[in-house]
Amino acid sequence: MPRFRRCRQRGCHSMVQYPNHYCSKHFEHEAEYLAERKKWARKHSEQYKNKERHYNHKYNTVTRNRNDNRSEQYKFYRSKQWVGLRQATLDRDHYLCQYCKVIGKLTPNSKTVDHIVPIAYDQSLRDVKDNLVTICRKCHRQKTQWEQHYYGTGQNMTKRNVPEIKDIRRITILMYQN
């Protein structure tokens, strides 16, 4: 399926098919824009390569692998098993956010798969299909905040001894109460 984006001309709201940046009305600016991008990329390539390399190193070794438990979780998300579970969940839920669905809203093209009970709280549920659900970005942010408050998961937090909640409806209500 072809992808589209807006024309880069200020004030123009026409849609342009990738890889173009300007609509047919403003296409004369395309070559100039591409030349500017190449010029900028050449000028900044060395400088950004070093910064990106440093950022990725720090993120992968310090942030993601801050302890053995987190390191194991990261490895799981890179496994073939997770790829299969994720795709099966997306297909089952038809790429619709299940938390939005509870409140009567359809959010299509949700591509994130979430653990209902976070694996940081209960590692044994990481590969259980009934513990996986499709979620949109907005709900994922909201649910992550709720999980940190309820379960005590997250960086520099201590796990709480609370009962696991596996009902999406109940979680949605609790998420939006806070």
C-alpha atoms as a PDB file:
ATOM      1  CA  MET A   1       0.000   0.000   0.000  1.00  0.00           C
ATOM      2  CA  PRO A   2       1.498   3.402  -0.945  1.00  0.00           C
ATOM      3  CA  ARG A   3       2.541   5.780   1.823  1.00  0.00           C
ATOM      4  CA  PHE A   4       1.724   9.486   1.812  1.00  0.00           C
ATOM      5  CA  ARG A   5       2.847  12.627   3.592  1.00  0.00           C
ATOM      6  CA  ARG A   6       2.037  16.337   3.440  1.00  0.00           C
ATOM      7  CA  CYS A   7       3.649  18.674   0.941  1.00  0.00           C
ATOM      8  CA  ARG A   8       6.580  20.540   2.559  1.00  0.00           C
ATOM      9  CA  GLN A   9       5.498  23.877   1.067  1.00  0.00           C
ATOM     10  CA  ARG A  10       4.327  26.180   3.853  1.00  0.00           C
ATOM     11  CA  GLY A  11       0.532  26.476   3.856  1.00  0.00           C
ATOM     12  CA  CYS A  12       0.004  23.665   1.343  1.00  0.00           C
ATOM     13  CA  HIS A  13      -1.996  20.734   2.685  1.00  0.00           C
ATOM     14  CA  SER A  14      -1.780  18.466  -0.359  1.00  0.00           C
ATOM     15  CA  MET A  15      -0.777  14.855   0.156  1.00  0.00           C
ATOM     16  CA  VAL A  16       2.318  13.554  -1.631  1.00  0.00           C
ATOM     17  CA  GLN A  17       3.253   9.929  -2.265  1.00  0.00           C
ATOM     18  CA  TYR A  18       6.614   8.772  -0.887  1.00  0.00           C
ATOM     19  CA  PRO A  19       9.468   9.345  -1.671  1.00  0.00           C
ATOM     20  CA  ASN A  20       8.533  12.859  -2.896  1.00  0.00           C
ATOM     21  CA  HIS A  21       8.405  15.844  -0.528  1.00  0.00           C
ATOM     22  CA  TYR A  22       6.432  18.335  -2.630  1.00  0.00           C
ATOM     23  CA  CYS A  23       3.119  18.140  -4.514  1.00  0.00           C
ATOM     24  CA  SER A  24       2.893  18.663  -8.288  1.00  0.00           C
ATOM     25  CA  LYS A  25       2.070  22.343  -7.710  1.00  0.00           C
ATOM     26  CA  HIS A  26       5.325  22.947  -5.786  1.00  0.00           C
ATOM     27  CA  PHE A  27       7.507  20.214  -7.317  1.00  0.00           C
ATOM     28  CA  GLU A  28      10.107  22.731  -8.539  1.00  0.00           C
ATOM     29  CA  HIS A  29      11.388  22.919  -4.919  1.00  0.00           C
ATOM     30  CA  GLU A  30      12.065  19.151  -4.712  1.00  0.00           C
ATOM     31  CA  ALA A  31      15.573  19.162  -6.239  1.00  0.00           C
ATOM     32  CA  GLU A  32      16.647  22.142  -4.130  1.00  0.00           C
ATOM     33  CA  TYR A  33      15.352  20.475  -0.960  1.00  0.00           C
ATOM     34  CA  LEU A  34      17.160  17.202  -1.696  1.00  0.00           C
ATOM     35  CA  ALA A  35      20.411  19.045  -2.420  1.00  0.00           C
ATOM     36  CA  GLU A  36      20.131  20.907   0.909  1.00  0.00           C
ATOM     37  CA  ARG A  37      19.522  17.643   2.750  1.00  0.00           C
ATOM     38  CA  LYS A  38      22.596  16.008   1.195  1.00  0.00           C
ATOM     39  CA  LYS A  39      24.726  19.045   2.003  1.00  0.00           C
ATOM     40  CA  TRP A  40      23.536  19.050   5.626  1.00  0.00           C
ATOM     41  CA  ALA A  41      24.025  15.283   5.970  1.00  0.00           C
ATOM     42  CA  ARG A  42      27.625  15.465   4.708  1.00  0.00           C
ATOM     43  CA  LYS A  43      28.405  18.310   7.088  1.00  0.00           C
ATOM     44  CA  HIS A  44      26.914  16.607  10.145  1.00  0.00           C
ATOM     45  CA  SER A  45      27.547  12.919   9.452  1.00  0.00           C
ATOM     46  CA  GLU A  46      30.759  12.525  11.471  1.00  0.00           C
ATOM     47  CA  GLN A  47      29.478  14.576  14.373  1.00  0.00           C
ATOM     48  CA  TYR A  48      26.201  12.604  14.643  1.00  0.00           C
ATOM     49  CA  LYS A  49      27.797   9.189  14.153  1.00  0.00           C
ATOM     50  CA  ASN A  50      29.817   9.644  17.325  1.00  0.00           C
ATOM     51  CA  LYS A  51      26.856  10.924  19.352  1.00  0.00           C
ATOM     52  CA  GLU A  52      24.571   8.141  18.140  1.00  0.00           C
ATOM     53  CA  ARG A  53      27.144   5.474  18.902  1.00  0.00           C
ATOM     54  CA  HIS A  54      27.595   6.854  22.422  1.00  0.00           C
ATOM     55  CA  TYR A  55      23.823   7.096  23.012  1.00  0.00           C
ATOM     56  CA  ASN A  56      23.141   3.544  21.832  1.00  0.00           C
ATOM     57  CA  HIS A  57      25.983   2.185  23.937  1.00  0.00           C
ATOM     58  CA  LYS A  58      24.726   3.937  27.056  1.00  0.00           C
ATOM     59  CA  TYR A  59      21.099   2.950  26.425  1.00  0.00           C
ATOM     60  CA  ASN A  60      21.819  -0.710  25.776  1.00  0.00           C
ATOM     61  CA  THR A  61      24.347  -1.298  28.541  1.00  0.00           C
ATOM     62  CA  VAL A  62      23.305   1.048  31.332  1.00  0.00           C
ATOM     63  CA  THR A  63      19.588   1.702  30.976  1.00  0.00           C
ATOM     64  CA  ARG A  64      18.310  -1.585  29.575  1.00  0.00           C
ATOM     65  CA  ASN A  65      20.664  -3.888  31.452  1.00  0.00           C
ATOM     66  CA  ARG A  66      20.642  -2.112  34.811  1.00  0.00           C
ATOM     67  CA  ASN A  67      20.294  -5.457  36.590  1.00  0.00           C
ATOM     68  CA  ASP A  68      20.138  -9.182  35.743  1.00  0.00           C
ATOM     69  CA  ASN A  69      16.318  -9.259  35.713  1.00  0.00           C
ATOM     70  CA  ARG A  70      16.122  -6.392  33.201  1.00  0.00           C
ATOM     71  CA  SER A  71      18.827  -8.000  31.092  1.00  0.00           C
ATOM     72  CA  GLU A  72      16.760 -11.213  30.878  1.00  0.00           C
ATOM     73  CA  GLN A  73      13.647  -9.232  29.902  1.00  0.00           C
ATOM     74  CA  TYR A  74      15.558  -7.464  27.143  1.00  0.00           C
ATOM     75  CA  LYS A  75      16.818 -10.796  25.782  1.00  0.00           C
ATOM     76  CA  PHE A  76      13.245 -12.145  25.786  1.00  0.00           C
ATOM     77  CA  TYR A  77      11.994  -9.215  23.681  1.00  0.00           C
ATOM     78  CA  ARG A  78      14.719 -10.013  21.123  1.00  0.00           C
ATOM     79  CA  SER A  79      13.807 -13.709  20.858  1.00  0.00           C
ATOM     80  CA  LYS A  80      11.959 -15.567  18.087  1.00  0.00           C
ATOM     81  CA  GLN A  81       9.447 -16.716  20.686  1.00  0.00           C
ATOM     82  CA  TRP A  82       8.452 -13.099  21.416  1.00  0.00           C
ATOM     83  CA  VAL A  83       8.189 -12.230  17.715  1.00  0.00           C
ATOM     84  CA  GLY A  84       5.736 -15.116  17.224  1.00  0.00           C
ATOM     85  CA  LEU A  85       3.706 -14.297  20.349  1.00  0.00           C
ATOM     86  CA  ARG A  86       3.545 -10.630  19.391  1.00  0.00           C
ATOM     87  CA  GLN A  87       2.330 -11.335  15.859  1.00  0.00           C
ATOM     88  CA  ALA A  88      -0.258 -13.867  17.071  1.00  0.00           C
ATOM     89  CA  THR A  89      -1.602 -11.274  19.538  1.00  0.00           C
ATOM     90  CA  LEU A  90      -1.788  -8.535  16.899  1.00  0.00           C
ATOM     91  CA  ASP A  91      -3.641 -10.892  14.547  1.00  0.00           C
ATOM     92  CA  ARG A  92      -6.016 -12.018  17.296  1.00  0.00           C
ATOM     93  CA  ASP A  93      -6.859  -8.425  18.272  1.00  0.00           C
ATOM     94  CA  HIS A  94      -6.952  -7.189  14.640  1.00  0.00           C
ATOM     95  CA  TYR A  95      -4.469  -4.407  15.494  1.00  0.00           C
ATOM     96  CA  LEU A  96      -7.111  -2.668  17.681  1.00  0.00           C
ATOM     97  CA  CYS A  97      -6.238  -1.255  21.105  1.00  0.00           C
ATOM     98  CA  GLN A  98      -8.140  -3.386  23.595  1.00  0.00           C
ATOM     99  CA  TYR A  99      -8.065  -0.710  26.316  1.00  0.00           C
ATOM    100  CA  CYS A 100      -9.660   1.889  24.021  1.00  0.00           C
ATOM    101  CA  LYS A 101     -12.202  -0.742  22.990  1.00  0.00           C
ATOM    102  CA  VAL A 102     -13.325  -1.021  26.638  1.00  0.00           C
ATOM    103  CA  ILE A 103     -14.279   2.673  26.681  1.00  0.00           C
ATOM    104  CA  GLY A 104     -16.083   2.363  23.329  1.00  0.00           C
ATOM    105  CA  LYS A 105     -13.362   3.820  21.117  1.00  0.00           C
ATOM    106  CA  LEU A 106     -11.723   2.052  18.174  1.00  0.00           C
ATOM    107  CA  THR A 107      -8.030   2.815  17.735  1.00  0.00           C
ATOM    108  CA  PRO A 108      -6.788   1.020  14.599  1.00  0.00           C
ATOM    109  CA  ASN A 109      -3.162   0.296  13.639  1.00  0.00           C
ATOM    110  CA  SER A 110      -2.023  -0.244  17.221  1.00  0.00           C
ATOM    111  CA  LYS A 111       1.218  -2.169  16.858  1.00  0.00           C
ATOM    112  CA  THR A 112       2.350  -2.486  20.465  1.00  0.00           C
ATOM    113  CA  VAL A 113       1.735  -5.671  22.432  1.00  0.00           C
ATOM    114  CA  ASP A 114       1.521  -5.280  26.193  1.00  0.00           C
ATOM    115  CA  HIS A 115       1.592  -7.687  29.109  1.00  0.00           C
ATOM    116  CA  ILE A 116      -1.580  -7.271  31.169  1.00  0.00           C
ATOM    117  CA  VAL A 117       0.360  -8.243  34.287  1.00  0.00           C
ATOM    118  CA  PRO A 118       3.853  -6.782  33.704  1.00  0.00           C
ATOM    119  CA  ILE A 119       6.696  -9.268  33.466  1.00  0.00           C
ATOM    120  CA  ALA A 120       8.699  -7.058  35.808  1.00  0.00           C
ATOM    121  CA  TYR A 121       6.129  -8.087  38.435  1.00  0.00           C
ATOM    122  CA  ASP A 122       5.549 -11.728  37.455  1.00  0.00           C
ATOM    123  CA  GLN A 123       8.205 -13.245  35.187  1.00  0.00           C
ATOM    124  CA  SER A 124       6.256 -16.508  34.773  1.00  0.00           C
ATOM    125  CA  LEU A 125       3.543 -14.751  32.698  1.00  0.00           C
ATOM    126  CA  ARG A 126       5.885 -13.448  30.024  1.00  0.00           C
ATOM    127  CA  ASP A 127       4.969 -16.049  27.384  1.00  0.00           C
ATOM    128  CA  VAL A 128       1.315 -16.690  28.331  1.00  0.00           C
ATOM    129  CA  LYS A 129      -0.950 -15.685  25.406  1.00  0.00           C
ATOM    130  CA  ASP A 130      -3.825 -14.734  27.732  1.00  0.00           C
ATOM    131  CA  ASN A 131      -1.546 -12.171  29.382  1.00  0.00           C
ATOM    132  CA  LEU A 132      -0.863 -10.366  26.083  1.00  0.00           C
ATOM    133  CA  VAL A 133      -3.010  -7.663  24.530  1.00  0.00           C
ATOM    134  CA  THR A 134      -2.719  -5.047  21.760  1.00  0.00           C
ATOM    135  CA  ILE A 135      -2.416  -1.470  23.018  1.00  0.00           C
ATOM    136  CA  CYS A 136      -2.054   2.017  21.477  1.00  0.00           C
ATOM    137  CA  ARG A 137       0.683   4.475  22.470  1.00  0.00           C
ATOM    138  CA  LYS A 138      -1.561   6.701  24.571  1.00  0.00           C
ATOM    139  CA  CYS A 139      -2.970   3.805  26.594  1.00  0.00           C
ATOM    140  CA  HIS A 140       0.495   2.246  26.900  1.00  0.00           C
ATOM    141  CA  ARG A 141       1.877   5.410  28.498  1.00  0.00           C
ATOM    142  CA  GLN A 142      -1.123   5.614  30.831  1.00  0.00           C
ATOM    143  CA  LYS A 143      -0.917   1.924  31.751  1.00  0.00           C
ATOM    144  CA  THR A 144       2.829   2.095  32.398  1.00  0.00           C
ATOM    145  CA  GLN A 145       2.257   4.949  34.852  1.00  0.00           C
ATOM    146  CA  TRP A 146      -0.545   2.995  36.504  1.00  0.00           C
ATOM    147  CA  GLU A 147       1.657  -0.132  36.752  1.00  0.00           C
ATOM    148  CA  GLN A 148       4.424   1.856  38.405  1.00  0.00           C
ATOM    149  CA  HIS A 149       1.940   3.184  40.940  1.00  0.00           C
ATOM    150  CA  TYR A 150       0.051  -0.088  41.554  1.00  0.00           C
ATOM    151  CA  TYR A 151       2.708  -2.810  41.176  1.00  0.00           C
ATOM    152  CA  GLY A 152       5.758  -0.721  42.015  1.00  0.00           C
ATOM    153  CA  THR A 153       7.523  -1.604  38.763  1.00  0.00           C
ATOM    154  CA  GLY A 154       9.930   0.730  36.996  1.00  0.00           C
ATOM    155  CA  GLN A 155      13.355   2.167  37.604  1.00  0.00           C
ATOM    156  CA  ASN A 156      14.306   2.684  41.274  1.00  0.00           C
ATOM    157  CA  MET A 157      10.956   1.306  42.462  1.00  0.00           C
ATOM    158  CA  THR A 158      10.268  -1.571  44.840  1.00  0.00           C
ATOM    159  CA  LYS A 159       7.685  -4.186  43.956  1.00  0.00           C
ATOM    160  CA  ARG A 160       4.559  -4.155  46.065  1.00  0.00           C
ATOM    161  CA  ASN A 161       2.798  -7.232  47.367  1.00  0.00           C
ATOM    162  CA  VAL A 162      -0.578  -6.634  45.689  1.00  0.00           C
ATOM    163  CA  PRO A 163      -2.974  -8.992  43.874  1.00  0.00           C
ATOM    164  CA  GLU A 164      -2.537  -9.307  40.108  1.00  0.00           C
ATOM    165  CA  ILE A 165      -5.306  -7.724  38.059  1.00  0.00           C
ATOM    166  CA  LYS A 166      -5.919  -9.609  34.810  1.00  0.00           C
ATOM    167  CA  ASP A 167      -9.223  -7.990  33.795  1.00  0.00           C
ATOM    168  CA  ILE A 168      -8.712  -5.331  31.098  1.00  0.00           C
ATOM    169  CA  ARG A 169     -11.969  -3.546  32.010  1.00  0.00           C
ATOM    170  CA  ARG A 170     -10.922  -3.137  35.629  1.00  0.00           C
ATOM    171  CA  ILE A 171      -7.426  -1.990  34.654  1.00  0.00           C
ATOM    172  CA  THR A 172      -8.872   0.594  32.242  1.00  0.00           C
ATOM    173  CA  ILE A 173     -11.106   2.019  34.965  1.00  0.00           C
ATOM    174  CA  LEU A 174      -8.186   2.185  37.405  1.00  0.00           C
ATOM    175  CA  MET A 175      -5.874   3.696  34.760  1.00  0.00           C
ATOM    176  CA  TYR A 176      -8.148   6.637  34.078  1.00  0.00           C
ATOM    177  CA  GLN A 177      -9.121   7.222  37.707  1.00  0.00           C
ATOM    178  CA  ASN A 178      -5.624   8.405  38.610  1.00  0.00           C
END
